[in-house]
């Protein structure tokens, strides 16, 4: 019967057109925007670059970036958190999370800029972050990453443990709380140090969740890096802090970042 052929081709053409539209259903949301400061942008696969605002969703394979004055906080379906400071860019390569089993995969390509990561419900071995020179594996929960325009990568750990290995392969090194790893070439080597400047956090991220103090000696260095002023409280929450003063809370909390309060 030939009567159905025009209808068939209309359906095919309609599906092909739909797949070229931004937000097509195949672009499965993997997280959303918690906070955004102008300007932050997202470019979904097969889509156009758009300004990201609070409560917007992000999808797999989406490129995300901030302007020279921008700031962005993303939270993903596994309850992990990722902050981007001004002038930062990344690609959300993969995030799969099965709530029933707790299994999944998390892969992000960090292009340039300053980032903070706090892991979520996935097993730590499921997390992988890549830069032009390094591959970062995760065994712990709170760390900062700086990627320079020449690809040089620095990683400071505030809680837990991460591993850093050269992008082209080679020996991986563990980086523990209070340590910083530096790698300048994709072929390595990875250098780990307990002294020298640490990678600061995106300032907005410390307003929402202060970094833990890894030891008393590094408290002053931290304050100089991310701005004086802070807050503290018991457990893992921050209280409010005033500009120009630093303080610590009970329970191992770190400083806040100036004039903002806790989450």
Protein backbone atom coordinates (compact mmCIF):
# COMPACT_ATOMS: atom_id res chain seq x y z
CA UNK A 1 0.00 0.00 0.00
CA UNK A 2 1.48 3.27 -1.16
CA UNK A 3 -0.73 5.60 0.87
CA UNK A 4 1.51 5.47 3.94
CA UNK A 5 4.75 6.40 2.15
CA UNK A 6 4.32 10.21 2.30
CA UNK A 7 3.44 9.96 6.00
CA UNK A 8 6.51 7.79 6.63
CA UNK A 9 8.88 10.28 5.01
CA UNK A 10 7.28 13.20 6.84
CA UNK A 11 7.95 11.37 10.11
CA UNK A 12 11.58 10.68 9.17
CA UNK A 13 12.17 14.31 8.20
CA UNK A 14 10.54 15.49 11.42
CA UNK A 15 12.80 13.31 13.58
CA UNK A 16 15.93 14.45 11.74
CA UNK A 17 14.97 18.09 12.24
CA UNK A 18 14.19 17.56 15.92
CA UNK A 19 17.64 16.11 16.57
CA UNK A 20 19.25 19.35 15.41
CA UNK A 21 17.35 21.45 17.96
CA UNK A 22 19.01 22.51 21.24
CA UNK A 23 17.60 20.60 24.18
CA UNK A 24 16.55 17.55 22.18
CA UNK A 25 15.56 14.77 24.57
CA UNK A 26 18.68 12.75 23.78
CA UNK A 27 20.65 15.38 25.74
CA UNK A 28 20.06 13.85 29.14
CA UNK A 29 20.48 16.30 32.06
CA UNK A 30 23.34 15.34 34.38
CA UNK A 31 23.21 18.28 36.76
CA UNK A 32 22.29 21.90 37.23
CA UNK A 33 23.47 25.39 38.08
CA UNK A 34 23.43 26.26 41.79
CA UNK A 35 24.95 29.73 41.46
CA UNK A 36 26.12 31.81 38.52
CA UNK A 37 27.73 35.23 38.30
CA UNK A 38 27.78 37.03 34.96
CA UNK A 39 28.93 35.81 32.74
CA UNK A 40 28.85 32.01 32.55
CA UNK A 41 28.08 30.10 29.37
CA UNK A 42 27.17 26.61 28.24
CA UNK A 43 27.32 25.05 24.78
CA UNK A 44 25.42 21.74 24.59
CA UNK A 45 26.29 19.20 21.88
CA UNK A 46 24.60 20.22 18.62
CA UNK A 47 23.41 23.37 20.36
CA UNK A 48 24.22 27.05 20.54
CA UNK A 49 26.16 28.89 23.24
CA UNK A 50 23.80 30.26 25.89
CA UNK A 51 24.14 32.18 29.13
CA UNK A 52 23.83 29.94 32.18
CA UNK A 53 21.66 31.03 35.08
CA UNK A 54 20.64 29.53 38.40
CA UNK A 55 18.49 26.38 38.05
CA UNK A 56 19.55 25.80 34.42
CA UNK A 57 20.35 22.19 33.58
CA UNK A 58 23.59 20.91 32.10
CA UNK A 59 23.97 17.85 29.89
CA UNK A 60 26.61 15.33 28.92
CA UNK A 61 29.26 16.60 26.46
CA UNK A 62 28.35 20.21 27.22
CA UNK A 63 31.12 22.82 27.14
CA UNK A 64 31.02 25.23 30.09
CA UNK A 65 32.98 28.46 30.54
CA UNK A 66 33.13 31.65 32.57
CA UNK A 67 34.12 35.16 31.53
CA UNK A 68 36.87 37.21 33.17
CA UNK A 69 34.33 38.25 35.81
CA UNK A 70 32.22 35.09 35.88
CA UNK A 71 31.75 32.36 38.47
CA UNK A 72 29.79 29.12 38.37
CA UNK A 73 28.76 26.39 40.82
CA UNK A 74 27.44 23.14 39.35
CA UNK A 75 25.87 20.25 41.26
CA UNK A 76 25.48 16.87 39.58
CA UNK A 77 23.09 13.94 39.87
CA UNK A 78 25.53 12.06 42.12
CA UNK A 79 25.51 15.07 44.51
CA UNK A 80 29.07 16.05 43.63
CA UNK A 81 29.96 19.75 43.34
CA UNK A 82 32.18 21.58 40.87
CA UNK A 83 33.08 25.28 41.00
CA UNK A 84 34.63 27.36 38.20
CA UNK A 85 36.41 30.62 38.91
CA UNK A 86 36.61 33.51 36.44
CA UNK A 87 38.20 32.72 33.07
CA UNK A 88 37.74 28.95 33.35
CA UNK A 89 36.57 26.36 30.81
CA UNK A 90 35.75 22.64 30.77
CA UNK A 91 33.77 19.92 28.98
CA UNK A 92 31.39 17.59 30.85
CA UNK A 93 32.47 14.42 29.07
CA UNK A 94 30.46 11.83 30.99
CA UNK A 95 28.35 11.41 34.09
CA UNK A 96 26.37 8.23 34.63
CA UNK A 97 24.89 7.38 38.03
CA UNK A 98 22.68 4.45 39.01
CA UNK A 99 20.98 5.45 42.25
CA UNK A 100 20.01 1.87 43.06
CA UNK A 101 23.51 0.40 42.86
CA UNK A 102 25.54 3.55 43.45
CA UNK A 103 27.66 2.72 40.40
CA UNK A 104 28.54 5.06 37.57
CA UNK A 105 31.22 7.09 35.80
CA UNK A 106 32.33 10.72 36.04
CA UNK A 107 34.71 12.25 33.51
CA UNK A 108 35.43 15.96 32.99
CA UNK A 109 37.97 17.65 30.70
CA UNK A 110 39.41 20.78 32.34
CA UNK A 111 40.75 23.13 29.66
CA UNK A 112 41.97 26.16 31.58
CA UNK A 113 41.26 28.03 34.80
CA UNK A 114 40.70 27.45 38.50
CA UNK A 115 38.37 24.76 39.87
CA UNK A 116 37.23 23.15 43.08
CA UNK A 117 35.79 19.64 43.30
CA UNK A 118 33.92 17.93 46.12
CA UNK A 119 33.00 14.35 45.31
CA UNK A 120 29.53 12.88 45.74
CA UNK A 121 27.86 9.47 46.01
CA UNK A 122 29.88 7.67 43.33
CA UNK A 123 32.74 5.38 44.40
CA UNK A 124 35.90 7.46 44.37
CA UNK A 125 37.50 5.32 41.68
CA UNK A 126 34.68 6.33 39.31
CA UNK A 127 35.90 9.95 39.15
CA UNK A 128 38.42 11.10 36.55
CA UNK A 129 39.41 14.63 35.62
CA UNK A 130 41.70 15.35 32.69
CA UNK A 131 43.78 18.40 31.77
CA UNK A 132 46.13 18.97 28.81
CA UNK A 133 49.00 17.49 30.85
CA UNK A 134 47.46 15.32 33.59
CA UNK A 135 44.90 12.69 34.50
CA UNK A 136 43.54 13.06 38.03
CA UNK A 137 42.03 10.12 39.87
CA UNK A 138 40.11 10.58 43.08
CA UNK A 139 40.27 8.80 46.41
CA UNK A 140 39.19 11.73 48.52
CA UNK A 141 36.69 14.44 48.74
CA UNK A 142 37.86 18.07 48.49
CA UNK A 143 40.56 19.47 46.23
CA UNK A 144 41.40 22.40 43.97
CA UNK A 145 42.87 22.38 40.45
CA UNK A 146 44.60 25.12 38.48
CA UNK A 147 45.21 24.72 34.74
CA UNK A 148 47.38 27.39 33.14
CA UNK A 149 47.08 28.39 29.49
CA UNK A 150 50.26 26.43 28.68
CA UNK A 151 48.70 23.29 30.19
CA UNK A 152 50.68 23.29 33.43
CA UNK A 153 48.48 21.72 36.09
CA UNK A 154 48.58 22.14 39.87
CA UNK A 155 46.43 20.17 42.31
CA UNK A 156 46.07 20.88 46.04
CA UNK A 157 44.24 18.45 48.32
CA UNK A 158 42.33 19.71 51.36
CA UNK A 159 40.60 16.48 52.34
CA UNK A 160 41.26 12.93 51.17
CA UNK A 161 43.69 11.71 48.51
CA UNK A 162 43.97 12.09 44.73
CA UNK A 163 46.32 10.53 42.20
CA UNK A 164 47.99 12.51 39.42
CA UNK A 165 49.67 10.92 36.40
CA UNK A 166 51.01 12.32 33.13
CA UNK A 167 48.43 12.56 30.33
CA UNK A 168 50.65 10.54 27.99
CA UNK A 169 51.13 7.79 30.55
CA UNK A 170 53.70 7.19 33.21
CA UNK A 171 54.02 6.93 36.94
CA UNK A 172 51.09 8.20 39.01
CA UNK A 173 51.71 9.88 42.35
CA UNK A 174 49.45 10.16 45.36
CA UNK A 175 48.66 13.64 46.64
CA UNK A 176 47.39 13.82 50.21
CA UNK A 177 45.83 16.54 52.35
CA UNK A 178 48.22 19.52 52.70
CA UNK A 179 50.16 18.46 49.56
CA UNK A 180 50.29 20.02 46.08
CA UNK A 181 51.19 18.30 42.81
CA UNK A 182 52.58 20.11 39.78
CA UNK A 183 52.98 18.76 36.25
CA UNK A 184 54.19 20.91 33.36
CA UNK A 185 54.27 18.43 30.49
CA UNK A 186 51.98 15.67 29.26
CA UNK A 187 54.94 13.29 29.52
CA UNK A 188 55.60 14.23 33.13
CA UNK A 189 57.08 14.10 35.67
CA UNK A 190 54.65 14.79 38.52
CA UNK A 191 56.21 16.72 41.41
CA UNK A 192 54.58 16.60 44.86
CA UNK A 193 55.38 19.08 47.62
CA UNK A 194 54.18 19.91 51.13
CA UNK A 195 55.67 23.40 50.96
CA UNK A 196 55.20 26.33 48.64
CA UNK A 197 51.99 28.04 47.58
CA UNK A 198 48.83 25.97 47.44
CA UNK A 199 46.19 26.20 44.75
CA UNK A 200 43.53 28.62 46.05
CA UNK A 201 39.85 27.85 45.69
CA UNK A 202 37.44 29.86 43.56
CA UNK A 203 36.54 32.58 46.06
CA UNK A 204 32.80 32.05 45.67
CA UNK A 205 33.17 28.39 46.59
CA UNK A 206 34.54 29.23 50.02
CA UNK A 207 31.55 31.48 50.67
CA UNK A 208 29.33 28.44 50.20
CA UNK A 209 31.53 25.79 51.77
CA UNK A 210 34.78 26.77 53.53
CA UNK A 211 37.84 24.70 52.84
CA UNK A 212 39.00 22.50 55.71
CA UNK A 213 42.14 23.62 57.49
CA UNK A 214 44.71 20.93 56.83
CA UNK A 215 47.08 22.21 59.50
CA UNK A 216 47.62 25.37 61.52
CA UNK A 217 50.77 26.39 59.65
CA UNK A 218 48.91 26.67 56.35
CA UNK A 219 46.05 28.79 57.66
CA UNK A 220 47.82 32.11 57.02
CA UNK A 221 48.91 31.02 53.53
CA UNK A 222 45.33 30.09 52.73
CA UNK A 223 44.07 33.49 53.88
CA UNK A 224 46.56 35.31 51.66
CA UNK A 225 45.64 33.17 48.67
CA UNK A 226 41.86 33.42 48.70
CA UNK A 227 41.20 36.62 50.61
CA UNK A 228 41.08 37.57 54.26
CA UNK A 229 37.93 37.13 56.26
CA UNK A 230 36.07 34.03 57.21
CA UNK A 231 33.69 32.09 59.24
CA UNK A 232 33.43 28.96 61.27
CA UNK A 233 30.99 26.69 62.97
CA UNK A 234 30.73 23.16 64.17
CA UNK A 235 30.50 20.23 61.80
CA UNK A 236 30.68 21.00 58.10
CA UNK A 237 28.67 24.21 57.87
CA UNK A 238 29.92 27.76 57.82
CA UNK A 239 28.69 30.63 59.88
CA UNK A 240 28.93 34.23 58.78
CA UNK A 241 32.13 36.17 58.69
CA UNK A 242 33.07 39.80 58.28
CA UNK A 243 35.49 41.36 55.88
CA UNK A 244 39.03 41.60 57.06
CA UNK A 245 39.00 39.02 59.82
CA UNK A 246 39.69 35.35 59.86
CA UNK A 247 38.40 32.73 62.19
CA UNK A 248 38.13 29.04 62.63
CA UNK A 249 35.24 26.90 63.70
CA UNK A 250 35.13 23.81 65.78
CA UNK A 251 35.11 20.44 64.15
CA UNK A 252 37.91 21.11 61.67
CA UNK A 253 36.29 23.79 59.53
CA UNK A 254 38.33 26.10 57.40
CA UNK A 255 38.01 29.82 56.81
CA UNK A 256 35.37 31.52 54.77
CA UNK A 257 36.24 33.98 52.04
CA UNK A 258 35.63 37.50 53.16
CA UNK A 259 32.19 38.99 53.62
CA UNK A 260 29.86 36.16 52.69
CA UNK A 261 28.17 33.69 55.00
CA UNK A 262 27.90 29.92 54.96
CA UNK A 263 25.78 27.69 52.73
